[in-house]
Amino acid sequence: GGASASAMTWVSRLFLTGFASTAIFGPLAGRLIDSKGRKAGTLAFSVLYALGATSTKSNVLGVLLLGRVLGGIGTSLLF
């Protein structure tokens, strides 16, 4: 048996949440890194990305969504 339509919808939303948070927070993150420096930005990326990756072990939808947002913000710090 395959995954239910509802489950597939939520998987799609989780992916889109990560991409959307990168797009939304990208300009703000860029300005923040310009003022704080690359080292601080790289450290912040590491922490945010690690938290996002850790959230993938959760079965709670809210934690998964928060993890995708944190990962998206972290990714925007690199660009």
Protein backbone atom coordinates (compact mmCIF):
# COMPACT_ATOMS: atom_id res chain seq x y z
CA GLY A 1 0.00 0.00 0.00
CA GLY A 2 1.04 3.53 -0.72
CA ALA A 3 0.95 6.58 1.44
CA SER A 4 -2.36 8.31 1.95
CA ALA A 5 -3.17 11.50 0.08
CA SER A 6 -3.22 13.41 3.36
CA ALA A 7 0.28 12.21 4.28
CA MET A 8 1.60 13.14 0.84
CA THR A 9 0.05 16.60 1.17
CA TRP A 10 1.86 17.16 4.48
CA VAL A 11 5.16 15.95 3.06
CA SER A 12 4.76 18.48 0.24
CA ARG A 13 3.94 21.23 2.72
CA LEU A 14 7.01 20.40 4.80
CA PHE A 15 9.27 20.75 1.76
CA LEU A 16 7.60 24.00 0.72
CA THR A 17 7.92 25.37 4.26
CA GLY A 18 11.71 25.03 4.10
CA PHE A 19 11.94 26.71 0.70
CA ALA A 20 9.53 29.48 1.69
CA SER A 21 11.40 30.28 4.89
CA THR A 22 14.64 30.57 2.90
CA ALA A 23 12.94 32.99 0.50
CA ILE A 24 11.24 35.03 3.22
CA PHE A 25 14.17 35.29 5.63
CA GLY A 26 16.92 35.49 3.00
CA PRO A 27 17.05 39.30 2.70
CA LEU A 28 16.98 39.74 6.47
CA ALA A 29 19.63 37.08 6.98
CA GLY A 30 21.84 38.70 4.36
CA ARG A 31 21.73 42.06 6.11
CA LEU A 32 22.37 40.41 9.46
CA ILE A 33 25.43 38.57 8.16
CA ASP A 34 26.74 41.75 6.55
CA SER A 35 26.64 43.47 9.93
CA LYS A 36 27.77 40.56 12.17
CA GLY A 37 30.36 38.91 9.92
CA ARG A 38 30.81 35.60 8.16
CA LYS A 39 32.11 33.70 11.17
CA ALA A 40 29.00 34.52 13.20
CA GLY A 41 26.84 33.64 10.20
CA THR A 42 28.52 30.29 9.73
CA LEU A 43 28.12 29.46 13.42
CA ALA A 44 24.46 30.50 13.32
CA PHE A 45 23.95 28.36 10.21
CA SER A 46 25.50 25.37 11.98
CA VAL A 47 23.23 25.71 15.00
CA LEU A 48 20.03 26.33 13.01
CA TYR A 49 20.74 23.57 10.53
CA ALA A 50 21.57 21.10 13.31
CA LEU A 51 18.30 21.93 15.09
CA GLY A 52 16.42 21.48 11.83
CA ALA A 53 18.11 18.14 11.18
CA THR A 54 17.41 16.97 14.73
CA SER A 55 13.72 17.79 14.31
CA THR A 56 13.42 15.12 11.61
CA LYS A 57 13.36 12.47 14.34
CA SER A 58 10.09 13.82 15.71
CA ASN A 59 6.62 12.45 15.01
CA VAL A 60 5.02 15.79 15.92
CA LEU A 61 3.98 17.88 12.91
CA GLY A 62 4.65 21.21 14.64
CA VAL A 63 8.22 20.16 15.46
CA LEU A 64 8.76 19.07 11.87
CA LEU A 65 7.45 22.40 10.56
CA LEU A 66 9.61 24.36 12.99
CA GLY A 67 12.62 22.30 11.95
CA ARG A 68 12.02 23.11 8.29
CA VAL A 69 11.72 26.82 9.11
CA LEU A 70 14.97 26.73 11.12
CA GLY A 71 16.73 24.82 8.35
CA GLY A 72 15.45 27.32 5.79
CA ILE A 73 16.69 30.28 7.83
CA GLY A 74 20.02 28.54 8.31
CA THR A 75 20.35 27.91 4.60
CA SER A 76 19.60 31.54 3.82
CA LEU A 77 22.55 32.53 6.01
CA LEU A 78 24.92 30.84 3.56
CA PHE A 79 23.73 32.81 0.54
